[in-house]
Amino acid sequence: FQGSSDLRDRAGASLGITNQQIHRSRFTSLDTFFTARNDVAHRLDMD
């Protein structure tokens, strides 16, 4: 999962989670988390 949209569109949708159950904004609030995660992964890849 590279970002909040991947989490929502792939995991959430596969589990049948609707926007009424967990609002899209809950996923997008994780953008900072994914930015940090991707930064760590990129730095390790470049090592």
All heavy atoms as atom14 arrays in JSON, in Angstrom:
{
  "sequence": "FQGSSDLRDRAGASLGITNQQIHRSRFTSLDTFFTARNDVAHRLDMD",
  "atom14_mask": [
    [1, 1, 1, 1, 1, 1, 1, 1, 1, 1, 1, 0, 0, 0],
    [1, 1, 1, 1, 1, 1, 1, 1, 1, 0, 0, 0, 0, 0],
    [1, 1, 1, 1, 0, 0, 0, 0, 0, 0, 0, 0, 0, 0],
    [1, 1, 1, 1, 1, 1, 0, 0, 0, 0, 0, 0, 0, 0],
    [1, 1, 1, 1, 1, 1, 0, 0, 0, 0, 0, 0, 0, 0],
    [1, 1, 1, 1, 1, 1, 1, 1, 0, 0, 0, 0, 0, 0],
    [1, 1, 1, 1, 1, 1, 1, 1, 0, 0, 0, 0, 0, 0],
    [1, 1, 1, 1, 1, 1, 1, 1, 1, 1, 1, 0, 0, 0],
    [1, 1, 1, 1, 1, 1, 1, 1, 0, 0, 0, 0, 0, 0],
    [1, 1, 1, 1, 1, 1, 1, 1, 1, 1, 1, 0, 0, 0],
    [1, 1, 1, 1, 1, 0, 0, 0, 0, 0, 0, 0, 0, 0],
    [1, 1, 1, 1, 0, 0, 0, 0, 0, 0, 0, 0, 0, 0],
    [1, 1, 1, 1, 1, 0, 0, 0, 0, 0, 0, 0, 0, 0],
    [1, 1, 1, 1, 1, 1, 0, 0, 0, 0, 0, 0, 0, 0],
    [1, 1, 1, 1, 1, 1, 1, 1, 0, 0, 0, 0, 0, 0],
    [1, 1, 1, 1, 0, 0, 0, 0, 0, 0, 0, 0, 0, 0],
    [1, 1, 1, 1, 1, 1, 1, 1, 0, 0, 0, 0, 0, 0],
    [1, 1, 1, 1, 1, 1, 1, 0, 0, 0, 0, 0, 0, 0],
    [1, 1, 1, 1, 1, 1, 1, 1, 0, 0, 0, 0, 0, 0],
    [1, 1, 1, 1, 1, 1, 1, 1, 1, 0, 0, 0, 0, 0],
    [1, 1, 1, 1, 1, 1, 1, 1, 1, 0, 0, 0, 0, 0],
    [1, 1, 1, 1, 1, 1, 1, 1, 0, 0, 0, 0, 0, 0],
    [1, 1, 1, 1, 1, 1, 1, 1, 1, 1, 0, 0, 0, 0],
    [1, 1, 1, 1, 1, 1, 1, 1, 1, 1, 1, 0, 0, 0],
    [1, 1, 1, 1, 1, 1, 0, 0, 0, 0, 0, 0, 0, 0],
    [1, 1, 1, 1, 1, 1, 1, 1, 1, 1, 1, 0, 0, 0],
    [1, 1, 1, 1, 1, 1, 1, 1, 1, 1, 1, 0, 0, 0],
    [1, 1, 1, 1, 1, 1, 1, 0, 0, 0, 0, 0, 0, 0],
    [1, 1, 1, 1, 1, 1, 0, 0, 0, 0, 0, 0, 0, 0],
    [1, 1, 1, 1, 1, 1, 1, 1, 0, 0, 0, 0, 0, 0],
    [1, 1, 1, 1, 1, 1, 1, 1, 0, 0, 0, 0, 0, 0],
    [1, 1, 1, 1, 1, 1, 1, 0, 0, 0, 0, 0, 0, 0],
    [1, 1, 1, 1, 1, 1, 1, 1, 1, 1, 1, 0, 0, 0],
    [1, 1, 1, 1, 1, 1, 1, 1, 1, 1, 1, 0, 0, 0],
    [1, 1, 1, 1, 1, 1, 1, 0, 0, 0, 0, 0, 0, 0],
    [1, 1, 1, 1, 1, 0, 0, 0, 0, 0, 0, 0, 0, 0],
    [1, 1, 1, 1, 1, 1, 1, 1, 1, 1, 1, 0, 0, 0],
    [1, 1, 1, 1, 1, 1, 1, 1, 0, 0, 0, 0, 0, 0],
    [1, 1, 1, 1, 1, 1, 1, 1, 0, 0, 0, 0, 0, 0],
    [1, 1, 1, 1, 1, 1, 1, 0, 0, 0, 0, 0, 0, 0],
    [1, 1, 1, 1, 1, 0, 0, 0, 0, 0, 0, 0, 0, 0],
    [1, 1, 1, 1, 1, 1, 1, 1, 1, 1, 0, 0, 0, 0],
    [1, 1, 1, 1, 1, 1, 1, 1, 1, 1, 1, 0, 0, 0],
    [1, 1, 1, 1, 1, 1, 1, 1, 0, 0, 0, 0, 0, 0],
    [1, 1, 1, 1, 1, 1, 1, 1, 0, 0, 0, 0, 0, 0],
    [1, 1, 1, 1, 1, 1, 1, 1, 0, 0, 0, 0, 0, 0],
    [1, 1, 1, 1, 1, 1, 1, 1, 0, 0, 0, 0, 0, 0]
  ],
  "atom14_positions": [
    [[0.85, -1.19, 0.0], [0.0, 0.0, 0.0], [0.89, 1.24, 0.0], [1.7, 1.44, 0.89], [-0.92, 0.01, 1.22], [-1.9, -1.13, 1.23], [-1.85, -2.1, 2.2], [-2.88, -1.22, 0.24], [-2.76, -3.15, 2.2], [-3.78, -2.27, 0.24], [-3.72, -3.24, 1.22], [0.0, 0.0, 0.0], [0.0, 0.0, 0.0], [0.0, 0.0, 0.0]],
    [[0.74, 2.07, -1.02], [1.59, 3.25, -1.17], [0.96, 4.51, -0.6], [1.64, 5.51, -0.42], [1.92, 3.47, -2.65], [2.7, 2.34, -3.25], [4.07, 2.17, -2.59], [4.81, 3.13, -2.44], [4.39, 0.96, -2.17], [0.0, 0.0, 0.0], [0.0, 0.0, 0.0], [0.0, 0.0, 0.0], [0.0, 0.0, 0.0], [0.0, 0.0, 0.0]],
    [[-0.32, 4.49, -0.34], [-0.98, 5.69, 0.17], [-2.37, 5.38, 0.69], [-2.85, 4.25, 0.6], [0.0, 0.0, 0.0], [0.0, 0.0, 0.0], [0.0, 0.0, 0.0], [0.0, 0.0, 0.0], [0.0, 0.0, 0.0], [0.0, 0.0, 0.0], [0.0, 0.0, 0.0], [0.0, 0.0, 0.0], [0.0, 0.0, 0.0], [0.0, 0.0, 0.0]],
    [[-3.0, 6.41, 1.2], [-4.32, 6.23, 1.8], [-5.35, 5.78, 0.76], [-6.25, 5.01, 1.08], [-4.78, 7.52, 2.47], [-4.88, 8.58, 1.53], [0.0, 0.0, 0.0], [0.0, 0.0, 0.0], [0.0, 0.0, 0.0], [0.0, 0.0, 0.0], [0.0, 0.0, 0.0], [0.0, 0.0, 0.0], [0.0, 0.0, 0.0], [0.0, 0.0, 0.0]],
    [[-5.2, 6.24, -0.48], [-6.17, 5.82, -1.5], [-6.02, 4.33, -1.8], [-7.02, 3.65, -2.05], [-6.04, 6.65, -2.77], [-4.76, 6.5, -3.33], [0.0, 0.0, 0.0], [0.0, 0.0, 0.0], [0.0, 0.0, 0.0], [0.0, 0.0, 0.0], [0.0, 0.0, 0.0], [0.0, 0.0, 0.0], [0.0, 0.0, 0.0], [0.0, 0.0, 0.0]],
    [[-4.79, 3.8, -1.78], [-4.6, 2.36, -1.95], [-5.29, 1.59, -0.82], [-5.95, 0.58, -1.05], [-3.11, 1.98, -1.93], [-2.42, 2.13, -3.26], [-3.11, 2.38, -4.26], [-1.19, 1.99, -3.29], [0.0, 0.0, 0.0], [0.0, 0.0, 0.0], [0.0, 0.0, 0.0], [0.0, 0.0, 0.0], [0.0, 0.0, 0.0], [0.0, 0.0, 0.0]],
    [[-5.12, 2.07, 0.39], [-5.73, 1.41, 1.54], [-7.24, 1.41, 1.42], [-7.9, 0.39, 1.61], [-5.29, 2.1, 2.83], [-5.75, 1.48, 4.14], [-5.21, 0.05, 4.28], [-5.28, 2.33, 5.32], [0.0, 0.0, 0.0], [0.0, 0.0, 0.0], [0.0, 0.0, 0.0], [0.0, 0.0, 0.0], [0.0, 0.0, 0.0], [0.0, 0.0, 0.0]],
    [[-7.81, 2.56, 1.04], [-9.26, 2.67, 0.9], [-9.76, 1.85, -0.28], [-10.69, 1.07, -0.16], [-9.66, 4.14, 0.74], [-11.17, 4.34, 0.66], [-11.54, 5.76, 0.27], [-11.2, 6.0, -1.12], [-10.32, 6.91, -1.55], [-9.69, 7.68, -0.71], [-10.07, 7.05, -2.84], [0.0, 0.0, 0.0], [0.0, 0.0, 0.0], [0.0, 0.0, 0.0]],
    [[-9.12, 2.04, -1.45], [-9.62, 1.42, -2.67], [-9.36, -0.08, -2.74], [-10.14, -0.81, -3.33], [-9.02, 2.1, -3.9], [-9.42, 3.55, -4.04], [-10.39, 3.97, -3.37], [-8.76, 4.28, -4.8], [0.0, 0.0, 0.0], [0.0, 0.0, 0.0], [0.0, 0.0, 0.0], [0.0, 0.0, 0.0], [0.0, 0.0, 0.0], [0.0, 0.0, 0.0]],
    [[-8.26, -0.53, -2.16], [-7.94, -1.95, -2.24], [-8.43, -2.71, -1.01], [-9.21, -3.64, -1.12], [-6.45, -2.14, -2.46], [-6.02, -1.7, -3.86], [-4.53, -1.66, -4.06], [-3.84, -2.87, -3.66], [-2.57, -2.89, -3.26], [-1.86, -1.78, -3.23], [-2.0, -4.01, -2.92], [0.0, 0.0, 0.0], [0.0, 0.0, 0.0], [0.0, 0.0, 0.0]],
    [[-7.98, -2.31, 0.16], [-8.37, -3.05, 1.37], [-9.82, -2.77, 1.75], [-10.61, -3.69, 1.93], [-7.44, -2.7, 2.53], [0.0, 0.0, 0.0], [0.0, 0.0, 0.0], [0.0, 0.0, 0.0], [0.0, 0.0, 0.0], [0.0, 0.0, 0.0], [0.0, 0.0, 0.0], [0.0, 0.0, 0.0], [0.0, 0.0, 0.0], [0.0, 0.0, 0.0]],
    [[-10.16, -1.49, 1.85], [-11.53, -1.14, 2.25], [-12.57, -1.69, 1.29], [-13.55, -2.29, 1.71], [0.0, 0.0, 0.0], [0.0, 0.0, 0.0], [0.0, 0.0, 0.0], [0.0, 0.0, 0.0], [0.0, 0.0, 0.0], [0.0, 0.0, 0.0], [0.0, 0.0, 0.0], [0.0, 0.0, 0.0], [0.0, 0.0, 0.0], [0.0, 0.0, 0.0]],
    [[-12.35, -1.5, 0.01], [-13.32, -1.98, -0.98], [-13.4, -3.51, -0.98], [-14.48, -4.07, -1.1], [-12.94, -1.46, -2.37], [0.0, 0.0, 0.0], [0.0, 0.0, 0.0], [0.0, 0.0, 0.0], [0.0, 0.0, 0.0], [0.0, 0.0, 0.0], [0.0, 0.0, 0.0], [0.0, 0.0, 0.0], [0.0, 0.0, 0.0], [0.0, 0.0, 0.0]],
    [[-12.27, -4.18, -0.83], [-12.28, -5.65, -0.81], [-13.02, -6.19, 0.41], [-13.57, -7.29, 0.37], [-10.85, -6.2, -0.82], [-10.23, -5.89, -2.05], [0.0, 0.0, 0.0], [0.0, 0.0, 0.0], [0.0, 0.0, 0.0], [0.0, 0.0, 0.0], [0.0, 0.0, 0.0], [0.0, 0.0, 0.0], [0.0, 0.0, 0.0], [0.0, 0.0, 0.0]],
    [[-13.04, -5.41, 1.48], [-13.76, -5.81, 2.68], [-15.21, -5.33, 2.67], [-15.96, -5.58, 3.6], [-13.05, -5.27, 3.93], [-11.66, -5.83, 4.19], [-10.96, -5.04, 5.28], [-11.73, -7.31, 4.55], [0.0, 0.0, 0.0], [0.0, 0.0, 0.0], [0.0, 0.0, 0.0], [0.0, 0.0, 0.0], [0.0, 0.0, 0.0], [0.0, 0.0, 0.0]],
    [[-15.6, -4.64, 1.6], [-16.96, -4.15, 1.48], [-17.25, -2.93, 2.34], [-18.41, -2.63, 2.63], [0.0, 0.0, 0.0], [0.0, 0.0, 0.0], [0.0, 0.0, 0.0], [0.0, 0.0, 0.0], [0.0, 0.0, 0.0], [0.0, 0.0, 0.0], [0.0, 0.0, 0.0], [0.0, 0.0, 0.0], [0.0, 0.0, 0.0], [0.0, 0.0, 0.0]],
    [[-16.21, -2.21, 2.75], [-16.37, -1.04, 3.61], [-16.9, 0.12, 2.79], [-16.31, 0.5, 1.78], [-15.03, -0.65, 4.28], [-14.41, -1.82, 5.03], [-15.22, 0.56, 5.18], [-15.22, -2.39, 6.15], [0.0, 0.0, 0.0], [0.0, 0.0, 0.0], [0.0, 0.0, 0.0], [0.0, 0.0, 0.0], [0.0, 0.0, 0.0], [0.0, 0.0, 0.0]],
    [[-18.01, 0.69, 3.22], [-18.61, 1.82, 2.51], [-18.14, 3.14, 3.15], [-17.61, 3.16, 4.26], [-20.14, 1.77, 2.59], [-20.54, 1.94, 3.96], [-20.69, 0.45, 2.04], [0.0, 0.0, 0.0], [0.0, 0.0, 0.0], [0.0, 0.0, 0.0], [0.0, 0.0, 0.0], [0.0, 0.0, 0.0], [0.0, 0.0, 0.0], [0.0, 0.0, 0.0]],
    [[-18.37, 4.22, 2.42], [-18.03, 5.56, 2.93], [-18.84, 5.88, 4.19], [-18.38, 6.62, 5.04], [-18.27, 6.61, 1.84], [-17.58, 7.91, 2.14], [-16.41, 7.94, 2.5], [-18.31, 9.0, 1.98], [0.0, 0.0, 0.0], [0.0, 0.0, 0.0], [0.0, 0.0, 0.0], [0.0, 0.0, 0.0], [0.0, 0.0, 0.0], [0.0, 0.0, 0.0]],
    [[-20.04, 5.32, 4.29], [-20.86, 5.54, 5.47], [-20.27, 4.82, 6.7], [-20.42, 5.29, 7.81], [-22.31, 5.07, 5.25], [-23.1, 5.95, 4.28], [-22.67, 5.74, 2.83], [-22.25, 4.66, 2.43], [-22.76, 6.8, 2.04], [0.0, 0.0, 0.0], [0.0, 0.0, 0.0], [0.0, 0.0, 0.0], [0.0, 0.0, 0.0], [0.0, 0.0, 0.0]],
    [[-19.62, 3.69, 6.47], [-19.02, 2.96, 7.59], [-17.76, 3.65, 8.08], [-17.57, 3.84, 9.28], [-18.72, 1.52, 7.18], [-19.96, 0.66, 7.02], [-19.61, -0.72, 6.51], [-19.16, -0.85, 5.38], [-19.81, -1.72, 7.34], [0.0, 0.0, 0.0], [0.0, 0.0, 0.0], [0.0, 0.0, 0.0], [0.0, 0.0, 0.0], [0.0, 0.0, 0.0]],
    [[-16.86, 3.95, 7.17], [-15.63, 4.67, 7.5], [-15.46, 5.73, 6.42], [-15.21, 5.41, 5.26], [-14.4, 3.74, 7.54], [-14.59, 2.64, 8.58], [-13.14, 4.56, 7.86], [-13.44, 1.63, 8.64], [0.0, 0.0, 0.0], [0.0, 0.0, 0.0], [0.0, 0.0, 0.0], [0.0, 0.0, 0.0], [0.0, 0.0, 0.0], [0.0, 0.0, 0.0]],
    [[-15.59, 6.98, 6.82], [-15.55, 8.08, 5.87], [-14.17, 8.19, 5.22], [-13.15, 7.93, 5.84], [-15.92, 9.4, 6.55], [-16.24, 10.48, 5.57], [-15.27, 11.32, 5.07], [-17.41, 10.82, 4.99], [-15.84, 12.15, 4.22], [-17.14, 11.88, 4.15], [0.0, 0.0, 0.0], [0.0, 0.0, 0.0], [0.0, 0.0, 0.0], [0.0, 0.0, 0.0]],
    [[-14.18, 8.58, 3.97], [-12.96, 8.75, 3.16], [-11.93, 9.63, 3.89], [-10.73, 9.39, 3.78], [-13.35, 9.38, 1.83], [-12.23, 9.71, 0.91], [-12.76, 10.32, -0.37], [-13.81, 9.49, -0.93], [-13.72, 8.83, -2.08], [-12.65, 8.95, -2.81], [-14.7, 8.08, -2.51], [0.0, 0.0, 0.0], [0.0, 0.0, 0.0], [0.0, 0.0, 0.0]],
    [[-12.36, 10.61, 4.63], [-11.44, 11.51, 5.32], [-10.6, 10.79, 6.37], [-9.49, 11.21, 6.67], [-12.19, 12.68, 5.97], [-13.08, 12.21, 6.96], [0.0, 0.0, 0.0], [0.0, 0.0, 0.0], [0.0, 0.0, 0.0], [0.0, 0.0, 0.0], [0.0, 0.0, 0.0], [0.0, 0.0, 0.0], [0.0, 0.0, 0.0], [0.0, 0.0, 0.0]],
    [[-11.13, 9.69, 6.92], [-10.34, 8.89, 7.87], [-9.13, 8.29, 7.17], [-8.06, 8.17, 7.74], [-11.18, 7.75, 8.47], [-12.29, 8.17, 9.4], [-11.83, 8.41, 10.83], [-11.04, 7.38, 11.45], [-11.5, 6.25, 11.99], [-12.79, 5.99, 11.97], [-10.67, 5.39, 12.54], [0.0, 0.0, 0.0], [0.0, 0.0, 0.0], [0.0, 0.0, 0.0]],
    [[-9.3, 7.88, 5.94], [-8.2, 7.32, 5.16], [-7.21, 8.41, 4.77], [-6.0, 8.24, 4.93], [-8.71, 6.6, 3.91], [-9.46, 5.33, 4.21], [-10.84, 5.32, 4.29], [-8.78, 4.14, 4.41], [-11.53, 4.15, 4.56], [-9.46, 2.96, 4.68], [-10.84, 2.97, 4.76], [0.0, 0.0, 0.0], [0.0, 0.0, 0.0], [0.0, 0.0, 0.0]],
    [[-7.72, 9.53, 4.26], [-6.82, 10.59, 3.81], [-6.04, 11.21, 4.96], [-4.98, 11.78, 4.74], [-7.56, 11.69, 3.02], [-8.59, 12.24, 3.84], [-8.15, 11.14, 1.74], [0.0, 0.0, 0.0], [0.0, 0.0, 0.0], [0.0, 0.0, 0.0], [0.0, 0.0, 0.0], [0.0, 0.0, 0.0], [0.0, 0.0, 0.0], [0.0, 0.0, 0.0]],
    [[-6.54, 11.06, 6.19], [-5.78, 11.57, 7.34], [-4.47, 10.81, 7.53], [-3.59, 11.25, 8.26], [-6.63, 11.5, 8.62], [-6.8, 10.16, 9.04], [0.0, 0.0, 0.0], [0.0, 0.0, 0.0], [0.0, 0.0, 0.0], [0.0, 0.0, 0.0], [0.0, 0.0, 0.0], [0.0, 0.0, 0.0], [0.0, 0.0, 0.0], [0.0, 0.0, 0.0]],
    [[-4.32, 9.66, 6.85], [-3.1, 8.87, 6.95], [-2.05, 9.24, 5.9], [-1.01, 8.6, 5.82], [-3.42, 7.37, 6.82], [-4.26, 6.76, 7.93], [-4.45, 5.28, 7.66], [-3.63, 6.99, 9.28], [0.0, 0.0, 0.0], [0.0, 0.0, 0.0], [0.0, 0.0, 0.0], [0.0, 0.0, 0.0], [0.0, 0.0, 0.0], [0.0, 0.0, 0.0]],
    [[-2.3, 10.28, 5.13], [-1.34, 10.67, 4.09], [0.05, 10.95, 4.67], [1.06, 10.56, 4.09], [-1.85, 11.86, 3.29], [-2.95, 11.48, 2.32], [-3.11, 10.27, 2.02], [-3.67, 12.38, 1.85], [0.0, 0.0, 0.0], [0.0, 0.0, 0.0], [0.0, 0.0, 0.0], [0.0, 0.0, 0.0], [0.0, 0.0, 0.0], [0.0, 0.0, 0.0]],
    [[0.12, 11.62, 5.81], [1.41, 11.9, 6.45], [2.11, 10.61, 6.85], [3.32, 10.45, 6.66], [1.21, 12.8, 7.69], [0.54, 13.98, 7.29], [2.53, 13.16, 8.33], [0.0, 0.0, 0.0], [0.0, 0.0, 0.0], [0.0, 0.0, 0.0], [0.0, 0.0, 0.0], [0.0, 0.0, 0.0], [0.0, 0.0, 0.0], [0.0, 0.0, 0.0]],
    [[1.34, 9.67, 7.37], [1.87, 8.36, 7.75], [2.48, 7.66, 6.54], [3.6, 7.16, 6.59], [0.73, 7.52, 8.35], [1.07, 6.07, 8.57], [1.72, 5.66, 9.72], [0.72, 5.11, 7.63], [2.03, 4.33, 9.93], [1.02, 3.78, 7.83], [1.68, 3.39, 8.99], [0.0, 0.0, 0.0], [0.0, 0.0, 0.0], [0.0, 0.0, 0.0]],
    [[1.75, 7.65, 5.41], [2.26, 6.99, 4.22], [3.45, 7.72, 3.61], [4.35, 7.09, 3.07], [1.15, 6.79, 3.18], [0.31, 5.58, 3.46], [-0.96, 5.69, 4.0], [0.79, 4.31, 3.19], [-1.73, 4.58, 4.27], [0.03, 3.18, 3.46], [-1.23, 3.32, 3.99], [0.0, 0.0, 0.0], [0.0, 0.0, 0.0], [0.0, 0.0, 0.0]],
    [[3.46, 9.04, 3.7], [4.62, 9.79, 3.22], [5.86, 9.38, 4.0], [6.92, 9.14, 3.41], [4.37, 11.31, 3.34], [3.25, 11.65, 2.53], [5.58, 12.11, 2.91], [0.0, 0.0, 0.0], [0.0, 0.0, 0.0], [0.0, 0.0, 0.0], [0.0, 0.0, 0.0], [0.0, 0.0, 0.0], [0.0, 0.0, 0.0], [0.0, 0.0, 0.0]],
    [[5.73, 9.28, 5.3], [6.87, 8.86, 6.14], [7.27, 7.42, 5.82], [8.45, 7.11, 5.68], [6.51, 8.99, 7.61], [0.0, 0.0, 0.0], [0.0, 0.0, 0.0], [0.0, 0.0, 0.0], [0.0, 0.0, 0.0], [0.0, 0.0, 0.0], [0.0, 0.0, 0.0], [0.0, 0.0, 0.0], [0.0, 0.0, 0.0], [0.0, 0.0, 0.0]],
    [[6.31, 6.54, 5.66], [6.59, 5.13, 5.35], [7.3, 5.01, 4.02], [8.28, 4.29, 3.89], [5.28, 4.34, 5.33], [5.43, 2.88, 4.91], [4.83, 2.72, 3.52], [4.99, 1.37, 3.06], [5.57, 1.05, 1.91], [6.03, 1.97, 1.11], [5.67, -0.19, 1.53], [0.0, 0.0, 0.0], [0.0, 0.0, 0.0], [0.0, 0.0, 0.0]],
    [[6.81, 5.74, 3.02], [7.42, 5.67, 1.7], [8.82, 6.26, 1.7], [9.7, 5.78, 0.98], [6.53, 6.36, 0.67], [5.21, 5.63, 0.47], [5.08, 4.46, 0.82], [4.22, 6.32, -0.06], [0.0, 0.0, 0.0], [0.0, 0.0, 0.0], [0.0, 0.0, 0.0], [0.0, 0.0, 0.0], [0.0, 0.0, 0.0], [0.0, 0.0, 0.0]],
    [[9.04, 7.3, 2.51], [10.37, 7.89, 2.63], [11.36, 6.88, 3.21], [12.47, 6.73, 2.7], [10.31, 9.15, 3.5], [11.66, 9.8, 3.67], [12.3, 10.12, 2.64], [12.09, 9.97, 4.83], [0.0, 0.0, 0.0], [0.0, 0.0, 0.0], [0.0, 0.0, 0.0], [0.0, 0.0, 0.0], [0.0, 0.0, 0.0], [0.0, 0.0, 0.0]],
    [[10.94, 6.18, 4.25], [11.8, 5.15, 4.86], [12.12, 4.06, 3.84], [13.28, 3.68, 3.66], [11.15, 4.55, 6.12], [11.89, 3.32, 6.6], [11.07, 5.6, 7.23], [0.0, 0.0, 0.0], [0.0, 0.0, 0.0], [0.0, 0.0, 0.0], [0.0, 0.0, 0.0], [0.0, 0.0, 0.0], [0.0, 0.0, 0.0], [0.0, 0.0, 0.0]],
    [[11.1, 3.56, 3.16], [11.31, 2.5, 2.18], [12.23, 2.97, 1.05], [13.12, 2.23, 0.61], [9.97, 2.04, 1.61], [0.0, 0.0, 0.0], [0.0, 0.0, 0.0], [0.0, 0.0, 0.0], [0.0, 0.0, 0.0], [0.0, 0.0, 0.0], [0.0, 0.0, 0.0], [0.0, 0.0, 0.0], [0.0, 0.0, 0.0], [0.0, 0.0, 0.0]],
    [[12.04, 4.2, 0.58], [12.88, 4.74, -0.49], [14.34, 4.85, -0.03], [15.26, 4.47, -0.75], [12.36, 6.1, -0.94], [13.23, 6.76, -1.96], [13.3, 6.32, -3.27], [14.08, 7.81, -1.87], [14.16, 7.08, -3.93], [14.65, 7.98, -3.11], [0.0, 0.0, 0.0], [0.0, 0.0, 0.0], [0.0, 0.0, 0.0], [0.0, 0.0, 0.0]],
    [[14.55, 5.34, 1.17], [15.91, 5.48, 1.69], [16.59, 4.12, 1.81], [17.77, 3.98, 1.5], [15.91, 6.18, 3.04], [15.59, 7.66, 2.95], [15.37, 8.24, 4.34], [14.94, 9.61, 4.27], [15.75, 10.65, 4.36], [17.04, 10.46, 4.52], [15.28, 11.87, 4.29], [0.0, 0.0, 0.0], [0.0, 0.0, 0.0], [0.0, 0.0, 0.0]],
    [[15.84, 3.11, 2.23], [16.42, 1.76, 2.34], [16.73, 1.2, 0.96], [17.74, 0.51, 0.78], [15.48, 0.84, 3.11], [15.34, 1.16, 4.59], [14.25, 0.27, 5.22], [16.65, 1.0, 5.34], [0.0, 0.0, 0.0], [0.0, 0.0, 0.0], [0.0, 0.0, 0.0], [0.0, 0.0, 0.0], [0.0, 0.0, 0.0], [0.0, 0.0, 0.0]],
    [[15.87, 1.47, -0.01], [16.11, 1.01, -1.37], [17.35, 1.64, -1.97], [18.06, 1.03, -2.77], [14.92, 1.33, -2.29], [13.73, 0.43, -2.03], [13.9, -0.61, -1.36], [12.63, 0.78, -2.48], [0.0, 0.0, 0.0], [0.0, 0.0, 0.0], [0.0, 0.0, 0.0], [0.0, 0.0, 0.0], [0.0, 0.0, 0.0], [0.0, 0.0, 0.0]],
    [[17.63, 2.88, -1.6], [18.76, 3.61, -2.17], [20.07, 3.28, -1.46], [21.14, 3.64, -1.93], [18.51, 5.12, -2.08], [17.29, 5.57, -2.87], [17.36, 5.12, -4.61], [18.66, 6.19, -5.17], [0.0, 0.0, 0.0], [0.0, 0.0, 0.0], [0.0, 0.0, 0.0], [0.0, 0.0, 0.0], [0.0, 0.0, 0.0], [0.0, 0.0, 0.0]],
    [[20.01, 2.59, -0.34], [21.2, 2.28, 0.43], [22.09, 1.31, -0.34], [21.62, 0.34, -0.92], [20.79, 1.66, 1.77], [21.95, 1.53, 2.74], [22.97, 2.21, 2.55], [21.82, 0.75, 3.69], [0.0, 0.0, 0.0], [0.0, 0.0, 0.0], [0.0, 0.0, 0.0], [0.0, 0.0, 0.0], [0.0, 0.0, 0.0], [0.0, 0.0, 0.0]]
  ]
}
